[in-house]
């Protein structure tokens, strides 16, 4: 079970996009995450008339290292570290280090 999952809202802690918030689009196998609207790079696209694709320059989200993001806690309005706890029913749940449950 991973601490950061697809669909989580995260805050970037380091780099050029420090402080920006976005949702995780994908968690890659090499401990990197793709965050929507963060760490954008210019990508040059060649036109392909066979499928009707126009050429040009597009902004593409590039992956960040998973250590450079924190899960956003809506109660405290900050990014917080995540841990695990065994619930009363015996299931493993993600919790913020402040004690709040992540998955509601």
PDB file of N, CA and C in Angstrom:
ATOM      1  N   UNK A   1       0.856  -1.179   0.000  1.00  0.00           N
ATOM      2  CA  UNK A   1       0.000   0.000   0.000  1.00  0.00           C
ATOM      3  C   UNK A   1       0.897   1.235   0.000  1.00  0.00           C
ATOM      4  N   UNK A   2       0.651   2.118  -0.939  1.00  0.00           N
ATOM      5  CA  UNK A   2       1.464   3.330  -1.086  1.00  0.00           C
ATOM      6  C   UNK A   2       0.888   4.466  -0.251  1.00  0.00           C
ATOM      7  N   UNK A   3       1.752   5.391   0.137  1.00  0.00           N
ATOM      8  CA  UNK A   3       1.311   6.536   0.929  1.00  0.00           C
ATOM      9  C   UNK A   3       0.660   7.601   0.064  1.00  0.00           C
ATOM     10  N   UNK A   4       1.073   7.723  -1.194  1.00  0.00           N
ATOM     11  CA  UNK A   4       0.460   8.666  -2.124  1.00  0.00           C
ATOM     12  C   UNK A   4      -0.143   7.862  -3.265  1.00  0.00           C
ATOM     13  N   UNK A   5      -1.417   8.139  -3.560  1.00  0.00           N
ATOM     14  CA  UNK A   5      -2.150   7.379  -4.568  1.00  0.00           C
ATOM     15  C   UNK A   5      -2.704   8.299  -5.644  1.00  0.00           C
ATOM     16  N   UNK A   6      -3.127   7.684  -6.734  1.00  0.00           N
ATOM     17  CA  UNK A   6      -3.784   8.413  -7.812  1.00  0.00           C
ATOM     18  C   UNK A   6      -5.067   9.040  -7.270  1.00  0.00           C
ATOM     19  N   UNK A   7      -5.285  10.324  -7.593  1.00  0.00           N
ATOM     20  CA  UNK A   7      -6.476  11.027  -7.133  1.00  0.00           C
ATOM     21  C   UNK A   7      -6.272  11.842  -5.872  1.00  0.00           C
ATOM     22  N   UNK A   8      -5.153  11.671  -5.171  1.00  0.00           N
ATOM     23  CA  UNK A   8      -4.863  12.465  -3.973  1.00  0.00           C
ATOM     24  C   UNK A   8      -4.565  13.906  -4.368  1.00  0.00           C
ATOM     25  N   UNK A   9      -4.946  14.838  -3.508  1.00  0.00           N
ATOM     26  CA  UNK A   9      -4.576  16.232  -3.710  1.00  0.00           C
ATOM     27  C   UNK A   9      -3.278  16.461  -2.952  1.00  0.00           C
ATOM     28  N   UNK A  10      -2.265  16.973  -3.652  1.00  0.00           N
ATOM     29  CA  UNK A  10      -0.943  17.128  -3.063  1.00  0.00           C
ATOM     30  C   UNK A  10      -0.440  18.556  -3.224  1.00  0.00           C
ATOM     31  N   UNK A  11       0.544  18.906  -2.390  1.00  0.00           N
ATOM     32  CA  UNK A  11       1.229  20.197  -2.457  1.00  0.00           C
ATOM     33  C   UNK A  11       2.701  19.923  -2.744  1.00  0.00           C
ATOM     34  N   UNK A  12       3.282  20.690  -3.672  1.00  0.00           N
ATOM     35  CA  UNK A  12       4.695  20.548  -4.013  1.00  0.00           C
ATOM     36  C   UNK A  12       5.516  21.279  -2.952  1.00  0.00           C
ATOM     37  N   UNK A  13       6.560  20.625  -2.425  1.00  0.00           N
ATOM     38  CA  UNK A  13       7.351  21.201  -1.341  1.00  0.00           C
ATOM     39  C   UNK A  13       8.660  21.821  -1.795  1.00  0.00           C
ATOM     40  N   UNK A  14       9.167  21.431  -2.967  1.00  0.00           N
ATOM     41  CA  UNK A  14      10.449  21.967  -3.439  1.00  0.00           C
ATOM     42  C   UNK A  14      10.389  22.223  -4.935  1.00  0.00           C
ATOM     43  N   UNK A  15      11.333  23.008  -5.413  1.00  0.00           N
ATOM     44  CA  UNK A  15      11.466  23.246  -6.848  1.00  0.00           C
ATOM     45  C   UNK A  15      10.766  24.505  -7.310  1.00  0.00           C
ATOM     46  N   UNK A  16      10.663  24.652  -8.620  1.00  0.00           N
ATOM     47  CA  UNK A  16      10.112  25.875  -9.205  1.00  0.00           C
ATOM     48  C   UNK A  16       8.622  26.023  -8.941  1.00  0.00           C
ATOM     49  N   UNK A  17       7.924  24.932  -8.674  1.00  0.00           N
ATOM     50  CA  UNK A  17       6.486  24.973  -8.411  1.00  0.00           C
ATOM     51  C   UNK A  17       6.154  24.825  -6.929  1.00  0.00           C
ATOM     52  N   UNK A  18       7.068  25.186  -6.059  1.00  0.00           N
ATOM     53  CA  UNK A  18       6.865  25.059  -4.613  1.00  0.00           C
ATOM     54  C   UNK A  18       5.607  25.798  -4.180  1.00  0.00           C
ATOM     55  N   UNK A  19       4.756  25.109  -3.400  1.00  0.00           N
ATOM     56  CA  UNK A  19       3.536  25.700  -2.887  1.00  0.00           C
ATOM     57  C   UNK A  19       2.316  25.475  -3.762  1.00  0.00           C
ATOM     58  N   UNK A  20       2.496  24.972  -4.977  1.00  0.00           N
ATOM     59  CA  UNK A  20       1.357  24.740  -5.870  1.00  0.00           C
ATOM     60  C   UNK A  20       0.668  23.433  -5.506  1.00  0.00           C
ATOM     61  N   UNK A  21      -0.636  23.411  -5.764  1.00  0.00           N
ATOM     62  CA  UNK A  21      -1.471  22.267  -5.420  1.00  0.00           C
ATOM     63  C   UNK A  21      -2.037  21.635  -6.680  1.00  0.00           C
ATOM     64  N   UNK A  22      -2.201  20.329  -6.665  1.00  0.00           N
ATOM     65  CA  UNK A  22      -2.793  19.635  -7.801  1.00  0.00           C
ATOM     66  C   UNK A  22      -3.139  18.208  -7.413  1.00  0.00           C
ATOM     67  N   UNK A  23      -3.841  17.528  -8.303  1.00  0.00           N
ATOM     68  CA  UNK A  23      -4.200  16.135  -8.036  1.00  0.00           C
ATOM     69  C   UNK A  23      -3.237  15.209  -8.764  1.00  0.00           C
ATOM     70  N   UNK A  24      -2.989  14.068  -8.164  1.00  0.00           N
ATOM     71  CA  UNK A  24      -2.076  13.083  -8.730  1.00  0.00           C
ATOM     72  C   UNK A  24      -2.782  12.375  -9.884  1.00  0.00           C
ATOM     73  N   UNK A  25      -2.186  12.431 -11.070  1.00  0.00           N
ATOM     74  CA  UNK A  25      -2.734  11.759 -12.241  1.00  0.00           C
ATOM     75  C   UNK A  25      -2.244  10.326 -12.339  1.00  0.00           C
ATOM     76  N   UNK A  26      -0.989  10.102 -11.921  1.00  0.00           N
ATOM     77  CA  UNK A  26      -0.396   8.784 -12.061  1.00  0.00           C
ATOM     78  C   UNK A  26       0.768   8.653 -11.093  1.00  0.00           C
ATOM     79  N   UNK A  27       0.924   7.469 -10.513  1.00  0.00           N
ATOM     80  CA  UNK A  27       2.091   7.147  -9.694  1.00  0.00           C
ATOM     81  C   UNK A  27       2.923   6.168 -10.509  1.00  0.00           C
ATOM     82  N   UNK A  28       4.143   6.569 -10.844  1.00  0.00           N
ATOM     83  CA  UNK A  28       5.010   5.739 -11.661  1.00  0.00           C
ATOM     84  C   UNK A  28       5.777   4.735 -10.802  1.00  0.00           C
ATOM     85  N   UNK A  29       6.290   3.689 -11.429  1.00  0.00           N
ATOM     86  CA  UNK A  29       6.940   2.598 -10.710  1.00  0.00           C
ATOM     87  C   UNK A  29       8.251   3.022 -10.052  1.00  0.00           C
ATOM     88  N   UNK A  30       8.929   4.028 -10.586  1.00  0.00           N
ATOM     89  CA  UNK A  30      10.222   4.442 -10.035  1.00  0.00           C
ATOM     90  C   UNK A  30      10.079   5.579  -9.026  1.00  0.00           C
ATOM     91  N   UNK A  31       9.017   5.551  -8.223  1.00  0.00           N
ATOM     92  CA  UNK A  31       8.763   6.523  -7.147  1.00  0.00           C
ATOM     93  C   UNK A  31       8.718   7.962  -7.642  1.00  0.00           C
ATOM     94  N   UNK A  32       8.004   8.174  -8.728  1.00  0.00           N
ATOM     95  CA  UNK A  32       7.733   9.514  -9.221  1.00  0.00           C
ATOM     96  C   UNK A  32       6.235   9.643  -9.430  1.00  0.00           C
ATOM     97  N   UNK A  33       5.737  10.878  -9.347  1.00  0.00           N
ATOM     98  CA  UNK A  33       4.306  11.129  -9.518  1.00  0.00           C
ATOM     99  C   UNK A  33       4.093  12.179 -10.596  1.00  0.00           C
ATOM    100  N   UNK A  34       2.981  12.047 -11.285  1.00  0.00           N
ATOM    101  CA  UNK A  34       2.570  13.011 -12.297  1.00  0.00           C
ATOM    102  C   UNK A  34       1.427  13.808 -11.693  1.00  0.00           C
ATOM    103  N   UNK A  35       1.633  15.123 -11.498  1.00  0.00           N
ATOM    104  CA  UNK A  35       0.647  15.979 -10.849  1.00  0.00           C
ATOM    105  C   UNK A  35       0.059  16.927 -11.890  1.00  0.00           C
ATOM    106  N   UNK A  36      -1.258  17.049 -11.876  1.00  0.00           N
ATOM    107  CA  UNK A  36      -1.975  17.871 -12.849  1.00  0.00           C
ATOM    108  C   UNK A  36      -1.613  19.345 -12.700  1.00  0.00           C
ATOM    109  N   UNK A  37      -1.146  19.965 -13.790  1.00  0.00           N
ATOM    110  CA  UNK A  37      -0.862  21.391 -13.820  1.00  0.00           C
ATOM    111  C   UNK A  37       0.413  21.816 -13.116  1.00  0.00           C
ATOM    112  N   UNK A  38       1.261  20.869 -12.743  1.00  0.00           N
ATOM    113  CA  UNK A  38       2.498  21.182 -12.020  1.00  0.00           C
ATOM    114  C   UNK A  38       3.681  20.616 -12.803  1.00  0.00           C
ATOM    115  N   UNK A  39       4.813  21.322 -12.774  1.00  0.00           N
ATOM    116  CA  UNK A  39       6.045  20.912 -13.447  1.00  0.00           C
ATOM    117  C   UNK A  39       5.806  20.766 -14.953  1.00  0.00           C
ATOM    118  N   UNK A  40       5.283  21.820 -15.547  1.00  0.00           N
ATOM    119  CA  UNK A  40       4.966  21.801 -16.978  1.00  0.00           C
ATOM    120  C   UNK A  40       6.218  22.052 -17.812  1.00  0.00           C
ATOM    121  N   UNK A  41       6.302  21.360 -18.954  1.00  0.00           N
ATOM    122  CA  UNK A  41       7.401  21.533 -19.902  1.00  0.00           C
ATOM    123  C   UNK A  41       6.805  21.723 -21.287  1.00  0.00           C
ATOM    124  N   UNK A  42       7.511  22.453 -22.134  1.00  0.00           N
ATOM    125  CA  UNK A  42       7.077  22.660 -23.517  1.00  0.00           C
ATOM    126  C   UNK A  42       7.440  21.423 -24.338  1.00  0.00           C
ATOM    127  N   UNK A  43       6.460  20.901 -25.051  1.00  0.00           N
ATOM    128  CA  UNK A  43       6.665  19.709 -25.891  1.00  0.00           C
ATOM    129  C   UNK A  43       6.309  20.080 -27.321  1.00  0.00           C
ATOM    130  N   UNK A  44       7.237  19.867 -28.255  1.00  0.00           N
ATOM    131  CA  UNK A  44       7.015  20.170 -29.657  1.00  0.00           C
ATOM    132  C   UNK A  44       6.388  18.949 -30.330  1.00  0.00           C
ATOM    133  N   UNK A  45       5.211  19.154 -30.937  1.00  0.00           N
ATOM    134  CA  UNK A  45       4.452  18.072 -31.551  1.00  0.00           C
ATOM    135  C   UNK A  45       4.470  18.250 -33.067  1.00  0.00           C
ATOM    136  N   UNK A  46       4.817  17.183 -33.770  1.00  0.00           N
ATOM    137  CA  UNK A  46       4.799  17.185 -35.231  1.00  0.00           C
ATOM    138  C   UNK A  46       3.370  16.949 -35.710  1.00  0.00           C
ATOM    139  N   UNK A  47       2.925  17.644 -36.751  1.00  0.00           N
ATOM    140  CA  UNK A  47       1.562  17.402 -37.235  1.00  0.00           C
ATOM    141  C   UNK A  47       1.427  16.014 -37.857  1.00  0.00           C
ATOM    142  N   UNK A  48       0.267  15.399 -37.665  1.00  0.00           N
ATOM    143  CA  UNK A  48      -0.022  14.092 -38.244  1.00  0.00           C
ATOM    144  C   UNK A  48      -1.381  14.173 -38.938  1.00  0.00           C
ATOM    145  N   UNK A  49      -1.383  14.400 -40.242  1.00  0.00           N
ATOM    146  CA  UNK A  49      -2.660  14.572 -40.939  1.00  0.00           C
ATOM    147  C   UNK A  49      -3.496  13.296 -41.016  1.00  0.00           C
ATOM    148  N   UNK A  50      -2.884  12.134 -40.849  1.00  0.00           N
ATOM    149  CA  UNK A  50      -3.626  10.870 -40.908  1.00  0.00           C
ATOM    150  C   UNK A  50      -4.669  10.756 -39.804  1.00  0.00           C
ATOM    151  N   UNK A  51      -4.349  11.264 -38.624  1.00  0.00           N
ATOM    152  CA  UNK A  51      -5.310  11.203 -37.513  1.00  0.00           C
ATOM    153  C   UNK A  51      -5.880  12.578 -37.179  1.00  0.00           C
ATOM    154  N   UNK A  52      -5.532  13.572 -37.974  1.00  0.00           N
ATOM    155  CA  UNK A  52      -6.071  14.911 -37.775  1.00  0.00           C
ATOM    156  C   UNK A  52      -5.442  15.670 -36.625  1.00  0.00           C
ATOM    157  N   UNK A  53      -4.208  15.358 -36.288  1.00  0.00           N
ATOM    158  CA  UNK A  53      -3.520  16.028 -35.185  1.00  0.00           C
ATOM    159  C   UNK A  53      -2.732  17.214 -35.715  1.00  0.00           C
ATOM    160  N   UNK A  54      -2.999  18.377 -35.142  1.00  0.00           N
ATOM    161  CA  UNK A  54      -2.273  19.586 -35.536  1.00  0.00           C
ATOM    162  C   UNK A  54      -0.950  19.641 -34.791  1.00  0.00           C
ATOM    163  N   UNK A  55       0.044  20.202 -35.439  1.00  0.00           N
ATOM    164  CA  UNK A  55       1.344  20.362 -34.800  1.00  0.00           C
ATOM    165  C   UNK A  55       1.375  21.622 -33.952  1.00  0.00           C
ATOM    166  N   UNK A  56       2.448  21.799 -33.224  1.00  0.00           N
ATOM    167  CA  UNK A  56       2.605  22.995 -32.420  1.00  0.00           C
ATOM    168  C   UNK A  56       3.363  22.703 -31.142  1.00  0.00           C
ATOM    169  N   UNK A  57       3.277  23.632 -30.208  1.00  0.00           N
ATOM    170  CA  UNK A  57       3.961  23.504 -28.926  1.00  0.00           C
ATOM    171  C   UNK A  57       2.905  23.359 -27.847  1.00  0.00           C
ATOM    172  N   UNK A  58       3.010  22.321 -27.039  1.00  0.00           N
ATOM    173  CA  UNK A  58       2.046  22.067 -25.972  1.00  0.00           C
ATOM    174  C   UNK A  58       2.746  22.019 -24.615  1.00  0.00           C
ATOM    175  N   UNK A  59       2.011  22.386 -23.586  1.00  0.00           N
ATOM    176  CA  UNK A  59       2.510  22.226 -22.225  1.00  0.00           C
ATOM    177  C   UNK A  59       2.157  20.823 -21.749  1.00  0.00           C
ATOM    178  N   UNK A  60       3.162  20.086 -21.273  1.00  0.00           N
ATOM    179  CA  UNK A  60       2.973  18.719 -20.808  1.00  0.00           C
ATOM    180  C   UNK A  60       3.460  18.609 -19.375  1.00  0.00           C
ATOM    181  N   UNK A  61       2.695  17.943 -18.523  1.00  0.00           N
ATOM    182  CA  UNK A  61       3.107  17.725 -17.133  1.00  0.00           C
ATOM    183  C   UNK A  61       4.206  16.674 -17.094  1.00  0.00           C
ATOM    184  N   UNK A  62       5.288  16.981 -16.406  1.00  0.00           N
ATOM    185  CA  UNK A  62       6.410  16.056 -16.259  1.00  0.00           C
ATOM    186  C   UNK A  62       6.402  15.504 -14.833  1.00  0.00           C
ATOM    187  N   UNK A  63       6.918  14.304 -14.628  1.00  0.00           N
ATOM    188  CA  UNK A  63       6.873  13.701 -13.295  1.00  0.00           C
ATOM    189  C   UNK A  63       7.794  14.383 -12.289  1.00  0.00           C
ATOM    190  N   UNK A  64       7.364  14.338 -11.023  1.00  0.00           N
ATOM    191  CA  UNK A  64       8.147  14.826  -9.888  1.00  0.00           C
ATOM    192  C   UNK A  64       8.532  13.637  -9.020  1.00  0.00           C
ATOM    193  N   UNK A  65       9.604  13.786  -8.255  1.00  0.00           N
ATOM    194  CA  UNK A  65       9.937  12.738  -7.299  1.00  0.00           C
ATOM    195  C   UNK A  65       8.896  12.735  -6.189  1.00  0.00           C
ATOM    196  N   UNK A  66       8.551  11.547  -5.722  1.00  0.00           N
ATOM    197  CA  UNK A  66       7.475  11.405  -4.735  1.00  0.00           C
ATOM    198  C   UNK A  66       7.833  12.075  -3.406  1.00  0.00           C
ATOM    199  N   UNK A  67       9.145  12.254  -3.157  1.00  0.00           N
ATOM    200  CA  UNK A  67       9.575  12.887  -1.908  1.00  0.00           C
ATOM    201  C   UNK A  67       9.358  14.394  -1.921  1.00  0.00           C
ATOM    202  N   UNK A  68       9.045  14.964  -3.090  1.00  0.00           N
ATOM    203  CA  UNK A  68       8.868  16.411  -3.200  1.00  0.00           C
ATOM    204  C   UNK A  68       7.418  16.855  -3.104  1.00  0.00           C
ATOM    205  N   UNK A  69       6.517  15.951  -2.727  1.00  0.00           N
ATOM    206  CA  UNK A  69       5.113  16.305  -2.560  1.00  0.00           C
ATOM    207  C   UNK A  69       4.598  15.794  -1.221  1.00  0.00           C
ATOM    208  N   UNK A  70       3.610  16.507  -0.670  1.00  0.00           N
ATOM    209  CA  UNK A  70       2.923  16.106   0.553  1.00  0.00           C
ATOM    210  C   UNK A  70       1.430  16.071   0.281  1.00  0.00           C
ATOM    211  N   UNK A  71       0.736  15.137   0.915  1.00  0.00           N
ATOM    212  CA  UNK A  71      -0.711  15.042   0.754  1.00  0.00           C
ATOM    213  C   UNK A  71      -1.357  16.220   1.473  1.00  0.00           C
ATOM    214  N   UNK A  72      -2.341  16.865   0.826  1.00  0.00           N
ATOM    215  CA  UNK A  72      -3.014  18.041   1.372  1.00  0.00           C
ATOM    216  C   UNK A  72      -4.074  17.618   2.386  1.00  0.00           C
ATOM    217  N   UNK A  73      -4.014  18.215   3.581  1.00  0.00           N
ATOM    218  CA  UNK A  73      -5.006  17.964   4.634  1.00  0.00           C
ATOM    219  C   UNK A  73      -6.014  19.108   4.618  1.00  0.00           C
ATOM    220  N   UNK A  74      -7.286  18.848   4.269  1.00  0.00           N
ATOM    221  CA  UNK A  74      -8.271  19.935   4.184  1.00  0.00           C
ATOM    222  C   UNK A  74      -8.598  20.576   5.532  1.00  0.00           C
ATOM    223  N   UNK A  75      -8.411  19.844   6.632  1.00  0.00           N
ATOM    224  CA  UNK A  75      -8.695  20.432   7.953  1.00  0.00           C
ATOM    225  C   UNK A  75      -7.671  21.494   8.329  1.00  0.00           C
ATOM    226  N   UNK A  76      -6.393  21.169   8.175  1.00  0.00           N
ATOM    227  CA  UNK A  76      -5.346  22.113   8.568  1.00  0.00           C
ATOM    228  C   UNK A  76      -4.937  23.040   7.426  1.00  0.00           C
ATOM    229  N   UNK A  77      -5.426  22.776   6.199  1.00  0.00           N
ATOM    230  CA  UNK A  77      -5.108  23.558   5.005  1.00  0.00           C
ATOM    231  C   UNK A  77      -3.606  23.563   4.704  1.00  0.00           C
ATOM    232  N   UNK A  78      -2.920  22.439   5.018  1.00  0.00           N
ATOM    233  CA  UNK A  78      -1.491  22.301   4.779  1.00  0.00           C
ATOM    234  C   UNK A  78      -1.204  20.910   4.232  1.00  0.00           C
ATOM    235  N   UNK A  79       0.005  20.742   3.730  1.00  0.00           N
ATOM    236  CA  UNK A  79       0.459  19.417   3.342  1.00  0.00           C
ATOM    237  C   UNK A  79       0.991  18.706   4.574  1.00  0.00           C
ATOM    238  N   UNK A  80       0.672  17.418   4.700  1.00  0.00           N
ATOM    239  CA  UNK A  80       1.130  16.656   5.863  1.00  0.00           C
ATOM    240  C   UNK A  80       1.646  15.302   5.448  1.00  0.00           C
ATOM    241  N   UNK A  81       2.505  14.755   6.289  1.00  0.00           N
ATOM    242  CA  UNK A  81       3.020  13.409   6.068  1.00  0.00           C
ATOM    243  C   UNK A  81       1.933  12.390   6.360  1.00  0.00           C
ATOM    244  N   UNK A  82       2.070  11.235   5.725  1.00  0.00           N
ATOM    245  CA  UNK A  82       1.058  10.192   5.846  1.00  0.00           C
ATOM    246  C   UNK A  82       1.690   8.945   6.437  1.00  0.00           C
ATOM    247  N   UNK A  83       0.943   8.278   7.316  1.00  0.00           N
ATOM    248  CA  UNK A  83       1.364   7.004   7.882  1.00  0.00           C
ATOM    249  C   UNK A  83       0.220   6.016   7.797  1.00  0.00           C
ATOM    250  N   UNK A  84       0.390   4.879   8.434  1.00  0.00           N
ATOM    251  CA  UNK A  84      -0.632   3.844   8.416  1.00  0.00           C
ATOM    252  C   UNK A  84      -1.033   3.475   9.834  1.00  0.00           C
ATOM    253  N   UNK A  85      -2.272   3.038   9.962  1.00  0.00           N
ATOM    254  CA  UNK A  85      -2.786   2.586  11.257  1.00  0.00           C
ATOM    255  C   UNK A  85      -3.772   1.453  10.969  1.00  0.00           C
ATOM    256  N   UNK A  86      -3.838   0.509  11.879  1.00  0.00           N
ATOM    257  CA  UNK A  86      -4.815  -0.570  11.767  1.00  0.00           C
ATOM    258  C   UNK A  86      -6.099  -0.092  12.436  1.00  0.00           C
ATOM    259  N   UNK A  87      -7.206  -0.102  11.674  1.00  0.00           N
ATOM    260  CA  UNK A  87      -8.488   0.354  12.189  1.00  0.00           C
ATOM    261  C   UNK A  87      -9.108  -0.652  13.146  1.00  0.00           C
ATOM    262  N   UNK A  88     -10.242  -0.282  13.728  1.00  0.00           N
ATOM    263  CA  UNK A  88     -10.933  -1.140  14.680  1.00  0.00           C
ATOM    264  C   UNK A  88     -11.450  -2.417  14.029  1.00  0.00           C
ATOM    265  N   UNK A  89     -11.778  -2.317  12.736  1.00  0.00           N
ATOM    266  CA  UNK A  89     -12.270  -3.496  12.023  1.00  0.00           C
ATOM    267  C   UNK A  89     -11.144  -4.356  11.455  1.00  0.00           C
ATOM    268  N   UNK A  90      -9.888  -3.985  11.720  1.00  0.00           N
ATOM    269  CA  UNK A  90      -8.746  -4.777  11.271  1.00  0.00           C
ATOM    270  C   UNK A  90      -8.180  -4.358   9.934  1.00  0.00           C
ATOM    271  N   UNK A  91      -8.770  -3.348   9.302  1.00  0.00           N
ATOM    272  CA  UNK A  91      -8.263  -2.875   8.014  1.00  0.00           C
ATOM    273  C   UNK A  91      -7.166  -1.846   8.211  1.00  0.00           C
ATOM    274  N   UNK A  92      -6.223  -1.826   7.267  1.00  0.00           N
ATOM    275  CA  UNK A  92      -5.137  -0.855   7.292  1.00  0.00           C
ATOM    276  C   UNK A  92      -5.627   0.432   6.633  1.00  0.00           C
ATOM    277  N   UNK A  93      -5.505   1.573   7.317  1.00  0.00           N
ATOM    278  CA  UNK A  93      -5.962   2.850   6.774  1.00  0.00           C
ATOM    279  C   UNK A  93      -4.814   3.857   6.787  1.00  0.00           C
ATOM    280  N   UNK A  94      -4.881   4.812   5.834  1.00  0.00           N
ATOM    281  CA  UNK A  94      -3.899   5.892   5.802  1.00  0.00           C
ATOM    282  C   UNK A  94      -4.350   7.004   6.731  1.00  0.00           C
ATOM    283  N   UNK A  95      -3.416   7.530   7.518  1.00  0.00           N
ATOM    284  CA  UNK A  95      -3.724   8.624   8.435  1.00  0.00           C
ATOM    285  C   UNK A  95      -2.644   9.693   8.302  1.00  0.00           C
ATOM    286  N   UNK A  96      -3.061  10.947   8.524  1.00  0.00           N
ATOM    287  CA  UNK A  96      -2.083  12.026   8.614  1.00  0.00           C
ATOM    288  C   UNK A  96      -1.352  11.893   9.938  1.00  0.00           C
ATOM    289  N   UNK A  97      -0.145  12.439  10.007  1.00  0.00           N
ATOM    290  CA  UNK A  97       0.624  12.376  11.242  1.00  0.00           C
ATOM    291  C   UNK A  97      -0.046  13.146  12.378  1.00  0.00           C
ATOM    292  N   UNK A  98      -0.988  14.051  12.019  1.00  0.00           N
ATOM    293  CA  UNK A  98      -1.742  14.765  13.062  1.00  0.00           C
ATOM    294  C   UNK A  98      -2.860  13.903  13.651  1.00  0.00           C
ATOM    295  N   UNK A  99      -3.161  12.754  13.006  1.00  0.00           N
ATOM    296  CA  UNK A  99      -4.161  11.830  13.533  1.00  0.00           C
ATOM    297  C   UNK A  99      -5.415  11.718  12.715  1.00  0.00           C
ATOM    298  N   UNK A 100      -5.648  12.623  11.760  1.00  0.00           N
ATOM    299  CA  UNK A 100      -6.849  12.564  10.921  1.00  0.00           C
ATOM    300  C   UNK A 100      -6.728  11.454   9.882  1.00  0.00           C
ATOM    301  N   UNK A 101      -7.850  10.838   9.547  1.00  0.00           N
ATOM    302  CA  UNK A 101      -7.859   9.783   8.524  1.00  0.00           C
ATOM    303  C   UNK A 101      -7.844  10.429   7.141  1.00  0.00           C
ATOM    304  N   UNK A 102      -7.017   9.905   6.235  1.00  0.00           N
ATOM    305  CA  UNK A 102      -6.890  10.458   4.881  1.00  0.00           C
ATOM    306  C   UNK A 102      -8.092  10.091   4.039  1.00  0.00           C
ATOM    307  N   UNK A 103      -8.424   8.802   3.998  1.00  0.00           N
ATOM    308  CA  UNK A 103      -9.524   8.311   3.149  1.00  0.00           C
ATOM    309  C   UNK A 103     -10.828   8.374   3.907  1.00  0.00           C
ATOM    310  N   UNK A 104     -11.658   9.339   3.530  1.00  0.00           N
ATOM    311  CA  UNK A 104     -12.953   9.497   4.232  1.00  0.00           C
ATOM    312  C   UNK A 104     -14.064   9.010   3.341  1.00  0.00           C
TER     313      UNK A 104
END
